[in-house]
N, C-alpha and C. Protein backbone atom coordinates (compact mmCIF):
# COMPACT_ATOMS: atom_id res chain seq x y z
N MET A 1 133.33 110.58 43.37
CA MET A 1 133.12 109.29 42.30
C MET A 1 133.43 107.69 43.24
N THR A 2 132.42 106.81 43.15
CA THR A 2 132.89 105.54 43.82
C THR A 2 133.47 104.67 43.15
N VAL A 3 134.48 103.82 42.81
CA VAL A 3 135.39 102.57 42.63
C VAL A 3 134.16 101.97 41.89
N PRO A 4 134.05 101.38 40.60
CA PRO A 4 133.12 100.79 40.34
C PRO A 4 133.87 98.84 40.57
N ASP A 5 132.91 98.59 40.85
CA ASP A 5 132.84 96.99 41.57
C ASP A 5 133.86 96.09 41.26
N GLU A 6 134.00 95.91 39.84
CA GLU A 6 135.10 95.68 38.80
C GLU A 6 136.70 95.50 39.30
N ARG A 7 136.78 97.11 39.47
CA ARG A 7 137.53 97.13 39.86
C ARG A 7 138.10 97.56 41.33
N LYS A 8 137.64 97.07 42.23
CA LYS A 8 138.09 96.81 43.62
C LYS A 8 139.14 95.61 43.79
N SER A 9 139.91 95.98 44.39
CA SER A 9 141.10 94.88 45.27
C SER A 9 140.31 93.79 45.50
N LEU A 10 139.47 93.85 46.50
CA LEU A 10 139.24 92.65 47.24
C LEU A 10 138.15 91.75 46.34
N ASN A 11 137.53 91.92 45.46
CA ASN A 11 136.66 91.51 44.19
C ASN A 11 137.71 90.87 43.36
N ILE A 12 138.83 91.64 42.96
CA ILE A 12 139.87 91.30 42.39
C ILE A 12 140.82 89.67 42.91
N ARG A 13 141.03 90.05 43.50
CA ARG A 13 142.10 89.16 44.22
C ARG A 13 141.01 87.80 45.01
N ARG A 14 139.46 88.16 45.57
CA ARG A 14 138.90 86.61 45.56
C ARG A 14 138.51 86.29 44.28
N SER A 15 138.07 87.36 43.15
CA SER A 15 137.91 86.46 41.76
C SER A 15 139.02 85.41 41.44
N PHE A 16 140.03 86.26 41.19
CA PHE A 16 141.36 85.44 41.28
C PHE A 16 141.44 83.70 41.75
N CYS A 17 141.27 84.40 43.12
CA CYS A 17 141.81 82.80 44.03
C CYS A 17 140.45 81.81 43.59
N ARG A 18 139.26 82.56 43.64
CA ARG A 18 137.86 81.32 43.55
C ARG A 18 138.36 80.70 42.41
N PHE A 19 138.64 81.33 40.87
CA PHE A 19 139.08 80.90 39.53
C PHE A 19 140.19 79.86 39.63
N PHE A 20 141.00 80.34 40.57
CA PHE A 20 142.17 79.31 40.53
C PHE A 20 142.00 77.89 41.46
N GLU A 21 141.18 78.46 42.45
CA GLU A 21 140.77 77.14 43.00
C GLU A 21 139.90 75.99 42.05
N GLU A 22 138.78 76.65 41.58
CA GLU A 22 138.27 75.91 40.62
C GLU A 22 138.60 75.36 39.44
N GLN A 23 139.55 76.02 39.09
CA GLN A 23 140.50 75.50 37.63
C GLN A 23 141.85 74.25 37.85
N PHE A 24 142.28 74.25 39.49
CA PHE A 24 143.34 73.84 39.78
C PHE A 24 142.72 72.52 40.44
N ALA A 25 142.73 71.29 39.33
CA ALA A 25 142.24 70.05 40.19
C ALA A 25 143.19 69.55 41.30
N ILE A 26 142.60 70.27 42.54
CA ILE A 26 143.13 69.54 43.68
C ILE A 26 142.98 68.34 43.84
N PRO A 27 144.08 67.28 43.89
CA PRO A 27 143.60 65.95 44.21
C PRO A 27 143.46 65.66 45.80
N ASN A 28 142.72 64.96 46.38
CA ASN A 28 142.53 64.30 47.47
C ASN A 28 143.53 64.63 48.20
N SER A 29 144.34 64.44 48.08
CA SER A 29 145.97 64.20 49.11
C SER A 29 146.29 65.63 49.59
N MET A 30 145.59 66.97 48.53
CA MET A 30 145.77 68.22 48.75
C MET A 30 144.33 68.86 49.18
N LYS A 31 143.52 67.95 49.52
CA LYS A 31 142.46 68.80 49.96
C LYS A 31 143.15 69.59 51.22
N GLY A 32 142.21 71.21 51.43
CA GLY A 32 142.36 71.92 52.48
C GLY A 32 144.09 72.33 52.54
N LYS A 33 144.64 72.19 51.36
CA LYS A 33 146.16 72.60 51.48
C LYS A 33 146.46 73.57 50.38
N VAL A 34 145.67 74.32 50.42
CA VAL A 34 145.69 75.80 49.40
C VAL A 34 145.86 77.11 50.76
N SER A 35 147.01 77.36 50.78
CA SER A 35 146.86 78.70 51.57
C SER A 35 146.80 80.22 50.85
N TYR A 36 146.00 81.17 51.42
CA TYR A 36 145.39 81.95 50.77
C TYR A 36 146.01 83.49 51.79
N GLU A 37 146.53 84.42 51.42
CA GLU A 37 146.98 85.16 52.29
C GLU A 37 146.48 85.93 53.51
N ASP A 38 144.89 85.93 53.21
CA ASP A 38 144.00 86.23 54.10
C ASP A 38 143.17 84.95 55.05
N SER A 39 143.47 83.63 55.06
CA SER A 39 143.26 83.02 55.58
C SER A 39 144.49 82.04 56.85
N ALA A 40 143.90 81.66 57.74
CA ALA A 40 144.69 80.97 58.83
C ALA A 40 145.23 79.30 58.20
N PHE A 41 146.33 79.53 58.21
CA PHE A 41 146.76 78.05 57.56
C PHE A 41 148.19 77.56 58.18
N ASP A 42 148.15 76.52 58.56
CA ASP A 42 149.24 75.66 59.43
C ASP A 42 149.77 74.43 58.59
N ALA A 43 151.04 74.60 58.02
CA ALA A 43 151.55 73.62 57.48
C ALA A 43 152.65 72.29 57.63
N THR A 44 152.44 72.58 59.08
CA THR A 44 153.33 72.00 59.84
C THR A 44 153.18 70.13 59.56
N ASP A 45 152.40 70.16 59.21
CA ASP A 45 151.42 68.54 59.58
C ASP A 45 151.64 68.63 57.89
N LYS A 46 151.69 69.29 56.83
CA LYS A 46 151.35 69.01 55.29
C LYS A 46 152.69 68.12 55.21
N GLU A 47 152.54 67.71 53.99
CA GLU A 47 154.23 67.09 52.64
C GLU A 47 154.16 68.07 51.73
N THR A 48 152.49 68.37 51.24
CA THR A 48 152.50 69.12 49.75
C THR A 48 151.55 70.10 49.93
N TRP A 49 152.03 71.22 49.69
CA TRP A 49 150.97 72.42 49.68
C TRP A 49 151.14 73.61 48.61
N LEU A 50 149.84 74.79 48.63
CA LEU A 50 150.34 75.48 47.64
C LEU A 50 150.39 76.94 48.64
N ALA A 51 150.75 78.04 48.81
CA ALA A 51 150.74 79.27 49.48
C ALA A 51 150.41 80.47 47.57
N VAL A 52 149.15 80.87 47.54
CA VAL A 52 148.69 82.02 47.05
C VAL A 52 149.22 83.46 47.65
N ASN A 53 150.07 84.48 47.52
CA ASN A 53 149.84 85.93 47.97
C ASN A 53 150.17 86.97 47.10
N PHE A 54 149.50 87.95 47.10
CA PHE A 54 149.35 88.92 46.33
C PHE A 54 150.34 90.07 46.64
N LEU A 55 151.31 90.71 45.99
CA LEU A 55 152.31 91.24 46.22
C LEU A 55 152.07 92.84 46.00
N SER A 56 151.17 93.02 45.02
CA SER A 56 150.71 94.67 44.60
C SER A 56 149.34 94.31 44.17
N ASP A 57 148.58 95.43 44.50
CA ASP A 57 147.39 95.77 43.98
C ASP A 57 146.95 96.56 42.99
N MET A 58 147.49 96.66 41.73
CA MET A 58 147.30 97.84 40.86
C MET A 58 146.25 97.61 39.69
N ALA A 59 145.79 95.94 39.56
CA ALA A 59 145.01 95.51 38.84
C ALA A 59 143.74 96.38 38.93
N GLY A 60 142.90 97.17 38.09
CA GLY A 60 141.74 98.05 38.08
C GLY A 60 142.06 99.21 38.15
N LYS A 61 143.76 99.73 38.25
CA LYS A 61 143.68 101.07 38.33
C LYS A 61 145.10 101.40 37.61
N LYS A 62 144.52 100.93 36.44
CA LYS A 62 145.67 101.02 35.18
C LYS A 62 147.40 100.58 35.45
N GLY A 63 147.27 99.48 36.46
CA GLY A 63 148.42 98.84 36.25
C GLY A 63 148.22 97.13 36.72
N THR A 64 149.16 96.71 37.20
CA THR A 64 149.06 95.27 37.38
C THR A 64 149.24 94.85 38.70
N THR A 65 148.04 94.08 39.17
CA THR A 65 148.19 93.19 40.34
C THR A 65 149.20 91.74 40.10
N LEU A 66 150.82 91.61 41.25
CA LEU A 66 151.67 90.42 41.00
C LEU A 66 150.81 89.33 42.05
N VAL A 67 150.88 88.24 41.57
CA VAL A 67 150.29 87.57 42.18
C VAL A 67 151.39 86.07 42.30
N GLN A 68 152.19 86.07 43.58
CA GLN A 68 153.04 84.86 43.72
C GLN A 68 152.29 83.63 44.46
N ILE A 69 152.44 82.50 43.36
CA ILE A 69 151.87 81.03 44.09
C ILE A 69 153.02 80.38 44.06
N ASP A 70 153.41 79.86 44.99
CA ASP A 70 154.42 79.04 45.70
C ASP A 70 153.56 77.27 45.87
N VAL A 71 154.43 76.65 45.33
CA VAL A 71 154.14 75.03 45.16
C VAL A 71 155.23 74.32 46.16
N LEU A 72 154.73 73.88 47.13
CA LEU A 72 156.32 73.21 47.73
C LEU A 72 155.97 71.78 48.65
N THR A 73 156.64 71.08 48.55
CA THR A 73 156.49 69.82 48.81
C THR A 73 157.86 69.52 49.75
N ARG A 74 157.37 68.68 50.50
CA ARG A 74 158.50 68.24 51.69
C ARG A 74 159.60 67.22 51.39
N TYR A 75 160.89 67.29 51.28
CA TYR A 75 162.06 66.47 51.05
C TYR A 75 161.78 65.28 51.46
N ALA A 76 161.54 65.16 52.71
CA ALA A 76 161.50 63.65 53.33
C ALA A 76 160.14 63.82 54.19
N GLY A 77 159.10 63.24 53.58
CA GLY A 77 157.86 63.25 54.59
C GLY A 77 157.58 61.93 55.07
N ARG A 78 156.70 62.17 56.15
CA ARG A 78 156.45 61.11 56.77
C ARG A 78 155.80 59.64 56.25
N ARG A 79 154.62 60.33 55.84
CA ARG A 79 153.51 59.52 54.84
C ARG A 79 153.96 58.95 53.25
N THR A 80 154.39 59.85 52.72
CA THR A 80 154.88 59.58 51.24
C THR A 80 156.05 59.06 51.14
N GLY A 81 157.06 59.08 51.94
CA GLY A 81 158.31 58.84 51.80
C GLY A 81 159.32 60.02 51.01
N GLY A 82 158.60 61.33 51.04
CA GLY A 82 159.22 62.24 50.68
C GLY A 82 159.25 62.87 49.07
N ASP A 83 159.83 63.58 48.60
CA ASP A 83 159.84 64.13 47.33
C ASP A 83 161.26 64.64 47.22
N ARG A 84 162.29 63.24 47.82
CA ARG A 84 163.95 63.81 47.40
C ARG A 84 164.29 64.44 45.68
N TYR A 85 163.56 64.03 44.92
CA TYR A 85 164.20 65.01 43.69
C TYR A 85 163.44 65.86 43.13
N GLY A 86 162.23 66.30 44.13
CA GLY A 86 161.04 67.72 43.63
C GLY A 86 160.64 67.28 42.48
N THR A 87 160.52 65.89 42.08
CA THR A 87 159.63 65.04 40.80
C THR A 87 158.30 65.89 41.30
N ILE A 88 157.43 65.29 42.18
CA ILE A 88 156.38 65.36 42.98
C ILE A 88 155.86 67.21 42.77
N CYS A 89 156.75 67.82 43.31
CA CYS A 89 156.91 69.18 43.22
C CYS A 89 156.52 70.11 41.96
N GLN A 90 157.11 69.27 40.84
CA GLN A 90 157.17 69.57 39.25
C GLN A 90 155.82 69.17 39.05
N GLN A 91 155.44 68.14 39.14
CA GLN A 91 153.93 67.99 38.87
C GLN A 91 152.77 68.76 39.12
N TYR A 92 152.93 69.12 40.54
CA TYR A 92 151.99 69.98 41.24
C TYR A 92 152.03 71.53 40.29
N ALA A 93 153.69 71.93 40.33
CA ALA A 93 153.71 73.07 39.16
C ALA A 93 153.16 73.17 37.81
N ASP A 94 153.18 72.28 37.32
CA ASP A 94 152.79 71.96 35.62
C ASP A 94 151.35 71.90 36.12
N LYS A 95 150.42 71.38 36.88
CA LYS A 95 149.14 71.68 37.18
C LYS A 95 148.73 73.26 37.43
N VAL A 96 149.38 73.74 38.33
CA VAL A 96 148.99 75.20 38.55
C VAL A 96 149.24 75.96 37.44
N HIS A 97 150.32 75.71 36.30
CA HIS A 97 150.27 76.53 35.38
C HIS A 97 149.63 76.45 34.37
N ALA A 98 148.88 74.76 33.81
CA ALA A 98 148.00 74.68 33.11
C ALA A 98 146.18 74.88 33.44
N ALA A 99 146.02 75.11 34.97
CA ALA A 99 145.16 75.99 35.43
C ALA A 99 145.22 77.46 35.17
N LEU A 100 146.28 77.92 35.07
CA LEU A 100 145.90 79.46 34.56
C LEU A 100 146.31 79.93 33.26
N HIS A 101 146.67 78.90 32.39
CA HIS A 101 147.06 79.17 31.01
C HIS A 101 145.49 79.52 30.34
N VAL A 102 144.94 80.26 30.80
CA VAL A 102 143.52 80.82 30.17
C VAL A 102 143.49 82.18 29.98
N ASP A 103 142.62 82.32 28.99
CA ASP A 103 142.12 83.27 28.28
C ASP A 103 141.91 84.58 29.26
N ALA A 104 140.73 84.27 30.27
CA ALA A 104 140.63 85.15 30.99
C ALA A 104 139.83 84.88 32.21
N VAL A 105 139.71 85.67 33.29
CA VAL A 105 139.09 85.07 34.55
C VAL A 105 138.11 86.22 34.97
N PRO A 106 136.67 85.73 35.07
CA PRO A 106 135.74 86.13 35.40
C PRO A 106 135.81 87.21 36.56
N ILE A 107 135.34 88.39 36.81
CA ILE A 107 135.53 89.17 38.11
C ILE A 107 133.69 88.69 38.66
N TYR A 108 133.74 88.75 39.79
CA TYR A 108 132.64 88.90 40.71
C TYR A 108 132.35 89.64 42.00
N ASP A 109 131.49 90.18 42.36
CA ASP A 109 131.31 91.29 43.48
C ASP A 109 130.94 90.45 44.37
N PHE A 110 132.02 90.62 45.69
CA PHE A 110 131.67 89.78 46.72
C PHE A 110 131.49 90.83 48.10
N GLY A 111 130.71 91.73 47.41
CA GLY A 111 130.58 92.96 48.55
C GLY A 111 129.48 92.65 49.30
N THR A 112 128.30 92.30 48.68
CA THR A 112 126.99 92.10 49.19
C THR A 112 126.93 90.43 49.87
N ASN A 113 127.30 89.61 49.28
CA ASN A 113 127.48 88.31 49.59
C ASN A 113 128.43 87.35 49.06
N PRO A 114 129.22 87.39 50.28
CA PRO A 114 130.54 86.83 50.31
C PRO A 114 130.40 85.07 49.79
N ARG A 115 129.57 84.67 50.80
CA ARG A 115 129.36 83.05 50.13
C ARG A 115 128.55 82.69 48.56
N ALA A 116 128.27 83.90 48.33
CA ALA A 116 127.43 83.67 46.97
C ALA A 116 127.55 85.12 45.92
N PRO A 117 129.14 85.34 45.77
CA PRO A 117 129.01 86.18 44.97
C PRO A 117 128.22 86.63 43.30
N VAL A 118 127.89 87.79 43.10
CA VAL A 118 127.46 87.77 41.89
C VAL A 118 128.32 88.22 40.91
N LEU A 119 128.20 87.63 39.78
CA LEU A 119 129.25 88.05 38.44
C LEU A 119 128.97 89.12 37.84
N ILE A 120 130.09 89.93 37.83
CA ILE A 120 130.18 90.69 36.86
C ILE A 120 130.25 91.05 35.53
N ALA A 121 128.92 91.24 34.78
CA ALA A 121 128.59 90.42 33.42
C ALA A 121 130.05 91.39 32.64
N GLY A 122 130.34 90.94 31.80
CA GLY A 122 131.66 91.56 30.78
C GLY A 122 132.73 91.92 31.39
N LYS A 123 132.78 91.65 32.74
CA LYS A 123 134.11 91.81 33.51
C LYS A 123 135.54 91.15 33.17
N LYS A 124 136.39 91.02 32.90
CA LYS A 124 137.23 89.93 32.91
C LYS A 124 138.64 90.55 33.73
N LEU A 125 139.37 89.58 33.83
CA LEU A 125 140.79 89.49 34.44
C LEU A 125 141.70 89.10 33.30
N VAL A 126 142.82 89.70 33.24
CA VAL A 126 143.78 88.61 31.91
C VAL A 126 145.26 88.42 32.67
N ILE A 127 145.61 87.37 32.54
CA ILE A 127 147.37 87.05 32.92
C ILE A 127 147.89 87.24 31.71
N GLN A 128 148.98 88.26 31.53
CA GLN A 128 149.76 88.87 30.75
C GLN A 128 151.44 89.21 31.15
N ASN A 129 152.41 88.38 31.38
CA ASN A 129 153.65 88.66 31.46
C ASN A 129 154.31 90.07 30.85
N SER A 130 155.37 90.25 31.95
CA SER A 130 156.06 91.93 31.42
C SER A 130 156.57 91.29 29.95
N GLY A 131 156.88 90.79 29.16
CA GLY A 131 157.11 90.44 27.91
C GLY A 131 155.93 90.72 27.28
N GLY A 132 154.72 90.73 27.59
CA GLY A 132 153.32 90.74 26.71
C GLY A 132 152.74 89.74 26.41
N ILE A 133 153.36 88.88 26.59
CA ILE A 133 152.45 87.60 26.31
C ILE A 133 151.58 86.58 27.46
N PHE A 134 150.40 86.85 26.87
CA PHE A 134 149.21 86.48 27.41
C PHE A 134 149.24 84.99 28.00
N ARG A 135 148.38 84.40 29.42
CA ARG A 135 148.57 83.16 29.50
C ARG A 135 149.73 82.85 30.21
N GLU A 136 150.84 83.78 30.29
CA GLU A 136 151.81 83.11 30.90
C GLU A 136 152.74 83.69 32.03
N PRO A 137 153.28 83.14 32.78
CA PRO A 137 153.95 83.51 34.07
C PRO A 137 154.76 84.53 33.53
N ASP A 138 154.98 85.42 34.56
CA ASP A 138 155.78 86.70 34.17
C ASP A 138 157.46 85.99 34.81
N ASP A 139 157.41 84.80 35.85
CA ASP A 139 158.82 84.33 36.16
C ASP A 139 158.14 82.84 37.16
N VAL A 140 159.09 82.07 37.01
CA VAL A 140 159.08 80.63 37.31
C VAL A 140 160.58 80.35 37.91
N ARG A 141 160.66 80.02 39.09
CA ARG A 141 161.60 80.05 39.61
C ARG A 141 161.63 78.48 40.82
N ALA A 142 162.51 77.47 40.10
CA ALA A 142 162.73 76.35 41.41
C ALA A 142 163.66 76.80 42.41
N MET A 143 163.46 76.40 43.88
CA MET A 143 164.27 77.05 44.50
C MET A 143 165.40 75.83 45.01
N GLU A 144 166.46 76.01 45.49
CA GLU A 144 167.27 74.86 46.43
C GLU A 144 166.55 74.10 47.48
N PHE A 145 166.93 73.12 47.49
CA PHE A 145 166.21 72.67 48.88
C PHE A 145 166.43 73.62 50.16
N GLU A 146 165.32 74.16 50.84
CA GLU A 146 165.18 75.07 51.72
C GLU A 146 164.98 74.45 53.02
N GLU A 147 165.63 74.05 54.20
CA GLU A 147 165.11 73.42 55.16
C GLU A 147 164.16 72.18 55.13
N GLY A 148 164.50 71.39 54.18
CA GLY A 148 163.77 70.13 53.53
C GLY A 148 162.50 70.52 52.97
N ILE A 149 162.64 71.37 52.44
CA ILE A 149 161.08 71.67 51.45
C ILE A 149 161.90 72.29 50.09
N ASN A 150 161.19 71.36 49.33
CA ASN A 150 161.37 71.71 47.25
C ASN A 150 160.09 72.92 47.54
N ARG A 151 160.67 73.98 46.45
CA ARG A 151 160.01 75.23 46.21
C ARG A 151 160.00 75.64 44.71
N ILE A 152 158.89 75.62 44.29
CA ILE A 152 158.87 76.19 42.85
C ILE A 152 158.23 77.60 42.71
N ILE A 153 158.20 78.76 42.55
CA ILE A 153 157.80 79.86 42.81
C ILE A 153 157.48 80.25 41.26
N PHE A 154 156.09 80.74 41.20
CA PHE A 154 155.11 81.41 40.13
C PHE A 154 155.33 82.38 40.61
N THR A 155 155.19 83.50 39.33
CA THR A 155 154.76 85.06 39.87
C THR A 155 154.04 85.20 38.31
N TYR A 156 152.48 85.78 38.73
CA TYR A 156 151.73 86.18 37.58
C TYR A 156 151.45 87.61 37.58
N ARG A 157 151.09 87.97 36.59
CA ARG A 157 150.74 89.60 36.48
C ARG A 157 149.35 89.23 36.05
N ILE A 158 148.21 89.80 36.63
CA ILE A 158 146.87 90.42 36.43
C ILE A 158 146.60 91.44 36.13
N LYS A 159 145.51 91.77 34.99
CA LYS A 159 145.48 92.62 34.95
C LYS A 159 143.18 93.13 34.25
N VAL A 160 143.09 93.96 34.65
CA VAL A 160 141.46 94.13 34.40
C VAL A 160 141.71 94.43 33.10
N LEU A 161 140.74 93.84 32.13
CA LEU A 161 140.54 93.98 30.55
C LEU A 161 140.42 95.45 30.58
N GLY A 162 139.54 96.01 31.11
CA GLY A 162 139.40 97.56 31.15
C GLY A 162 140.26 98.38 31.35
N ASP A 163 141.74 98.01 31.91
CA ASP A 163 142.64 98.97 32.02
C ASP A 163 143.55 99.40 30.83
N TYR A 164 143.05 98.23 29.55
CA TYR A 164 143.85 98.27 28.49
C TYR A 164 143.25 99.50 27.59
N ALA A 165 142.40 99.94 28.43
CA ALA A 165 141.58 101.05 27.28
C ALA A 165 142.12 102.52 28.04
N LYS A 166 141.28 103.50 27.30
CA LYS A 166 141.93 104.85 27.86
C LYS A 166 141.18 104.99 29.56
N ALA A 167 142.12 105.98 29.91
CA ALA A 167 141.51 105.95 31.47
C ALA A 167 139.88 106.43 31.61
N PRO A 168 139.14 106.23 32.06
CA PRO A 168 137.90 107.03 32.42
C PRO A 168 137.95 108.28 33.11
N SER A 169 137.28 109.02 33.46
CA SER A 169 137.24 110.26 34.00
C SER A 169 137.55 110.20 35.46
N TYR A 170 136.95 109.07 36.49
CA TYR A 170 137.38 109.02 37.61
C TYR A 170 138.91 108.90 37.89
N TYR A 171 139.61 108.49 37.38
CA TYR A 171 141.31 108.42 37.42
C TYR A 171 141.92 109.65 36.94
N ASP A 172 141.44 110.79 36.12
CA ASP A 172 141.87 111.73 35.65
C ASP A 172 141.92 113.19 37.18
């Protein structure tokens, strides 16, 4: 039996990234500064950027997918004067949290046309941390200055809404 489209890892990853990009109000100064793990990205000339990485792929398989979002700013930037105290980094971190503080994320089918995916009706991703609280990250950590870079790391757990139900026969 084939895996339904709403349970395919590629659709789940891309749906999450698409939703995040739409919800996160990327300011003009950050246009083109969001790195997804499956895209080429060079941060050497950036002063502020985000990195989205998937640490596991269990959503849609009765598990959770872990997503790590890093907010990074340079301690001493050439054009902006830098983010010596991490305040710009924290402002972007607040925007990331607000963008993902939602009830559900729609799932799209990217299989037929990746540039214009089709919405899978009634299928959603939910964000729920390990403590059972919806719409909240599992972990948020601010890193000390690391080679001149401020870094705030969010870890989110996402799950397909159907994973809360009894397992269908194709997983038995």
